[in-house]
Amino acid sequence: MRLILAHLTWNSDMELAEESRGWAEKQKVYSLWEKGPLKVHMSPVQRV
């Protein structure tokens, strides 16, 4: 699993999706932390 995530991270550029702007401010905290979905757009990396 770590190898797959490392491969995706190394070979992709990630950009925060518009609907995820303000993600941290929208989270609710009770005795547990309620996290909403964090959506990103991934595209192949352009290396020179």
PDB file of N, CA and C in Angstrom:
ATOM      1  N   MET A   1       0.821  -1.184   0.000  1.00  0.00           N
ATOM      2  CA  MET A   1       0.000   0.000   0.000  1.00  0.00           C
ATOM      3  C   MET A   1       0.875   1.261   0.000  1.00  0.00           C
ATOM      4  N   ARG A   2       1.922   1.267   0.809  1.00  0.00           N
ATOM      5  CA  ARG A   2       2.811   2.429   0.849  1.00  0.00           C
ATOM      6  C   ARG A   2       3.487   2.655  -0.498  1.00  0.00           C
ATOM      7  N   LEU A   3       3.871   1.564  -1.154  1.00  0.00           N
ATOM      8  CA  LEU A   3       4.531   1.671  -2.451  1.00  0.00           C
ATOM      9  C   LEU A   3       3.591   2.256  -3.500  1.00  0.00           C
ATOM     10  N   ILE A   4       2.343   1.860  -3.476  1.00  0.00           N
ATOM     11  CA  ILE A   4       1.348   2.387  -4.418  1.00  0.00           C
ATOM     12  C   ILE A   4       1.131   3.880  -4.176  1.00  0.00           C
ATOM     13  N   LEU A   5       0.952   4.277  -2.921  1.00  0.00           N
ATOM     14  CA  LEU A   5       0.761   5.694  -2.600  1.00  0.00           C
ATOM     15  C   LEU A   5       1.995   6.524  -2.952  1.00  0.00           C
ATOM     16  N   ALA A   6       3.178   5.994  -2.710  1.00  0.00           N
ATOM     17  CA  ALA A   6       4.410   6.703  -3.059  1.00  0.00           C
ATOM     18  C   ALA A   6       4.513   6.879  -4.568  1.00  0.00           C
ATOM     19  N   HIS A   7       4.169   5.849  -5.327  1.00  0.00           N
ATOM     20  CA  HIS A   7       4.203   5.914  -6.792  1.00  0.00           C
ATOM     21  C   HIS A   7       3.215   6.958  -7.313  1.00  0.00           C
ATOM     22  N   LEU A   8       1.996   6.971  -6.789  1.00  0.00           N
ATOM     23  CA  LEU A   8       0.998   7.955  -7.211  1.00  0.00           C
ATOM     24  C   LEU A   8       1.435   9.375  -6.865  1.00  0.00           C
ATOM     25  N   THR A   9       1.991   9.560  -5.688  1.00  0.00           N
ATOM     26  CA  THR A   9       2.431  10.886  -5.262  1.00  0.00           C
ATOM     27  C   THR A   9       3.607  11.378  -6.105  1.00  0.00           C
ATOM     28  N   TRP A  10       4.548  10.497  -6.410  1.00  0.00           N
ATOM     29  CA  TRP A  10       5.738  10.877  -7.170  1.00  0.00           C
ATOM     30  C   TRP A  10       5.395  11.199  -8.625  1.00  0.00           C
ATOM     31  N   ASN A  11       4.447  10.483  -9.211  1.00  0.00           N
ATOM     32  CA  ASN A  11       4.150  10.621 -10.632  1.00  0.00           C
ATOM     33  C   ASN A  11       2.938  11.491 -10.934  1.00  0.00           C
ATOM     34  N   SER A  12       2.402  12.179  -9.955  1.00  0.00           N
ATOM     35  CA  SER A  12       1.200  12.987 -10.175  1.00  0.00           C
ATOM     36  C   SER A  12       1.356  14.364  -9.552  1.00  0.00           C
ATOM     37  N   ASP A  13       0.768  15.335 -10.225  1.00  0.00           N
ATOM     38  CA  ASP A  13       0.603  16.661  -9.640  1.00  0.00           C
ATOM     39  C   ASP A  13      -0.796  16.703  -9.063  1.00  0.00           C
ATOM     40  N   MET A  14      -0.926  17.163  -7.830  1.00  0.00           N
ATOM     41  CA  MET A  14      -2.238  17.220  -7.190  1.00  0.00           C
ATOM     42  C   MET A  14      -2.667  18.664  -7.001  1.00  0.00           C
ATOM     43  N   GLU A  15      -3.933  18.914  -7.279  1.00  0.00           N
ATOM     44  CA  GLU A  15      -4.507  20.245  -7.117  1.00  0.00           C
ATOM     45  C   GLU A  15      -5.817  20.100  -6.365  1.00  0.00           C
ATOM     46  N   LEU A  16      -6.019  20.957  -5.392  1.00  0.00           N
ATOM     47  CA  LEU A  16      -7.231  20.918  -4.588  1.00  0.00           C
ATOM     48  C   LEU A  16      -8.438  21.274  -5.442  1.00  0.00           C
ATOM     49  N   ALA A  17      -9.489  20.473  -5.375  1.00  0.00           N
ATOM     50  CA  ALA A  17     -10.715  20.731  -6.126  1.00  0.00           C
ATOM     51  C   ALA A  17     -11.455  21.911  -5.509  1.00  0.00           C
ATOM     52  N   GLU A  18     -12.209  22.626  -6.332  1.00  0.00           N
ATOM     53  CA  GLU A  18     -12.944  23.810  -5.865  1.00  0.00           C
ATOM     54  C   GLU A  18     -13.887  23.490  -4.708  1.00  0.00           C
ATOM     55  N   GLU A  19     -14.569  22.341  -4.773  1.00  0.00           N
ATOM     56  CA  GLU A  19     -15.529  22.010  -3.722  1.00  0.00           C
ATOM     57  C   GLU A  19     -14.856  21.691  -2.387  1.00  0.00           C
ATOM     58  N   SER A  20     -13.527  21.541  -2.385  1.00  0.00           N
ATOM     59  CA  SER A  20     -12.805  21.268  -1.144  1.00  0.00           C
ATOM     60  C   SER A  20     -12.140  22.512  -0.564  1.00  0.00           C
ATOM     61  N   ARG A  21     -12.348  23.678  -1.152  1.00  0.00           N
ATOM     62  CA  ARG A  21     -11.790  24.916  -0.590  1.00  0.00           C
ATOM     63  C   ARG A  21     -12.421  25.144   0.787  1.00  0.00           C
ATOM     64  N   GLY A  22     -11.620  25.516   1.767  1.00  0.00           N
ATOM     65  CA  GLY A  22     -12.120  25.724   3.125  1.00  0.00           C
ATOM     66  C   GLY A  22     -12.398  24.420   3.855  1.00  0.00           C
ATOM     67  N   TRP A  23     -11.741  23.345   3.431  1.00  0.00           N
ATOM     68  CA  TRP A  23     -11.956  22.007   3.997  1.00  0.00           C
ATOM     69  C   TRP A  23     -11.713  21.991   5.504  1.00  0.00           C
ATOM     70  N   ALA A  24     -10.628  22.610   5.950  1.00  0.00           N
ATOM     71  CA  ALA A  24     -10.285  22.582   7.373  1.00  0.00           C
ATOM     72  C   ALA A  24     -11.281  23.382   8.212  1.00  0.00           C
ATOM     73  N   GLU A  25     -11.792  24.480   7.667  1.00  0.00           N
ATOM     74  CA  GLU A  25     -12.727  25.317   8.423  1.00  0.00           C
ATOM     75  C   GLU A  25     -14.099  24.664   8.568  1.00  0.00           C
ATOM     76  N   LYS A  26     -14.452  23.757   7.666  1.00  0.00           N
ATOM     77  CA  LYS A  26     -15.776  23.120   7.692  1.00  0.00           C
ATOM     78  C   LYS A  26     -15.837  21.891   8.600  1.00  0.00           C
ATOM     79  N   GLN A  27     -14.689  21.455   9.111  1.00  0.00           N
ATOM     80  CA  GLN A  27     -14.672  20.258   9.943  1.00  0.00           C
ATOM     81  C   GLN A  27     -15.263  20.550  11.314  1.00  0.00           C
ATOM     82  N   LYS A  28     -15.917  19.546  11.866  1.00  0.00           N
ATOM     83  CA  LYS A  28     -16.521  19.678  13.191  1.00  0.00           C
ATOM     84  C   LYS A  28     -15.742  18.838  14.191  1.00  0.00           C
ATOM     85  N   VAL A  29     -15.601  19.363  15.388  1.00  0.00           N
ATOM     86  CA  VAL A  29     -14.869  18.648  16.424  1.00  0.00           C
ATOM     87  C   VAL A  29     -15.786  18.449  17.623  1.00  0.00           C
ATOM     88  N   TYR A  30     -15.961  17.203  17.995  1.00  0.00           N
ATOM     89  CA  TYR A  30     -16.696  16.837  19.208  1.00  0.00           C
ATOM     90  C   TYR A  30     -15.682  16.097  20.073  1.00  0.00           C
ATOM     91  N   SER A  31     -16.034  14.949  20.595  1.00  0.00           N
ATOM     92  CA  SER A  31     -15.018  14.148  21.268  1.00  0.00           C
ATOM     93  C   SER A  31     -14.155  13.437  20.228  1.00  0.00           C
ATOM     94  N   LEU A  32     -14.671  13.350  19.005  1.00  0.00           N
ATOM     95  CA  LEU A  32     -13.914  12.841  17.859  1.00  0.00           C
ATOM     96  C   LEU A  32     -13.893  13.916  16.784  1.00  0.00           C
ATOM     97  N   TRP A  33     -12.999  13.777  15.846  1.00  0.00           N
ATOM     98  CA  TRP A  33     -12.847  14.738  14.760  1.00  0.00           C
ATOM     99  C   TRP A  33     -13.629  14.248  13.560  1.00  0.00           C
ATOM    100  N   GLU A  34     -14.632  14.999  13.126  1.00  0.00           N
ATOM    101  CA  GLU A  34     -15.463  14.609  11.982  1.00  0.00           C
ATOM    102  C   GLU A  34     -14.907  15.269  10.725  1.00  0.00           C
ATOM    103  N   LYS A  35     -14.239  14.474   9.878  1.00  0.00           N
ATOM    104  CA  LYS A  35     -13.612  14.999   8.669  1.00  0.00           C
ATOM    105  C   LYS A  35     -14.499  14.722   7.463  1.00  0.00           C
ATOM    106  N   GLY A  36     -14.666  15.712   6.633  1.00  0.00           N
ATOM    107  CA  GLY A  36     -15.390  15.544   5.383  1.00  0.00           C
ATOM    108  C   GLY A  36     -14.443  15.074   4.291  1.00  0.00           C
ATOM    109  N   PRO A  37     -14.977  14.774   3.115  1.00  0.00           N
ATOM    110  CA  PRO A  37     -14.119  14.322   2.020  1.00  0.00           C
ATOM    111  C   PRO A  37     -13.205  15.447   1.527  1.00  0.00           C
ATOM    112  N   LEU A  38     -11.979  15.104   1.186  1.00  0.00           N
ATOM    113  CA  LEU A  38     -11.016  16.047   0.619  1.00  0.00           C
ATOM    114  C   LEU A  38     -10.774  15.621  -0.819  1.00  0.00           C
ATOM    115  N   LYS A  39     -11.319  16.378  -1.753  1.00  0.00           N
ATOM    116  CA  LYS A  39     -11.230  16.014  -3.166  1.00  0.00           C
ATOM    117  C   LYS A  39     -10.073  16.750  -3.826  1.00  0.00           C
ATOM    118  N   VAL A  40      -9.304  16.015  -4.628  1.00  0.00           N
ATOM    119  CA  VAL A  40      -8.191  16.590  -5.379  1.00  0.00           C
ATOM    120  C   VAL A  40      -8.259  16.114  -6.821  1.00  0.00           C
ATOM    121  N   HIS A  41      -7.669  16.903  -7.713  1.00  0.00           N
ATOM    122  CA  HIS A  41      -7.523  16.516  -9.109  1.00  0.00           C
ATOM    123  C   HIS A  41      -6.077  16.088  -9.302  1.00  0.00           C
ATOM    124  N   MET A  42      -5.878  14.934  -9.944  1.00  0.00           N
ATOM    125  CA  MET A  42      -4.530  14.437 -10.190  1.00  0.00           C
ATOM    126  C   MET A  42      -4.268  14.449 -11.686  1.00  0.00           C
ATOM    127  N   SER A  43      -3.064  14.883 -12.056  1.00  0.00           N
ATOM    128  CA  SER A  43      -2.654  14.879 -13.457  1.00  0.00           C
ATOM    129  C   SER A  43      -1.220  14.365 -13.532  1.00  0.00           C
ATOM    130  N   PRO A  44      -0.841  13.784 -14.671  1.00  0.00           N
ATOM    131  CA  PRO A  44       0.536  13.284 -14.800  1.00  0.00           C
ATOM    132  C   PRO A  44       1.543  14.423 -14.634  1.00  0.00           C
ATOM    133  N   VAL A  45       2.642  14.139 -13.972  1.00  0.00           N
ATOM    134  CA  VAL A  45       3.662  15.153 -13.722  1.00  0.00           C
ATOM    135  C   VAL A  45       4.417  15.447 -15.019  1.00  0.00           C
ATOM    136  N   GLN A  46       4.772  16.716 -15.217  1.00  0.00           N
ATOM    137  CA  GLN A  46       5.556  17.137 -16.380  1.00  0.00           C
ATOM    138  C   GLN A  46       6.971  17.446 -15.890  1.00  0.00           C
ATOM    139  N   ARG A  47       7.891  16.525 -16.101  1.00  0.00           N
ATOM    140  CA  ARG A  47       9.279  16.729 -15.673  1.00  0.00           C
ATOM    141  C   ARG A  47      10.119  17.185 -16.859  1.00  0.00           C
ATOM    142  N   VAL A  48      11.087  18.013 -16.575  1.00  0.00           N
ATOM    143  CA  VAL A  48      11.974  18.504 -17.632  1.00  0.00           C
ATOM    144  C   VAL A  48      13.339  17.899 -17.507  1.00  0.00           C
TER     145      VAL A  48
END
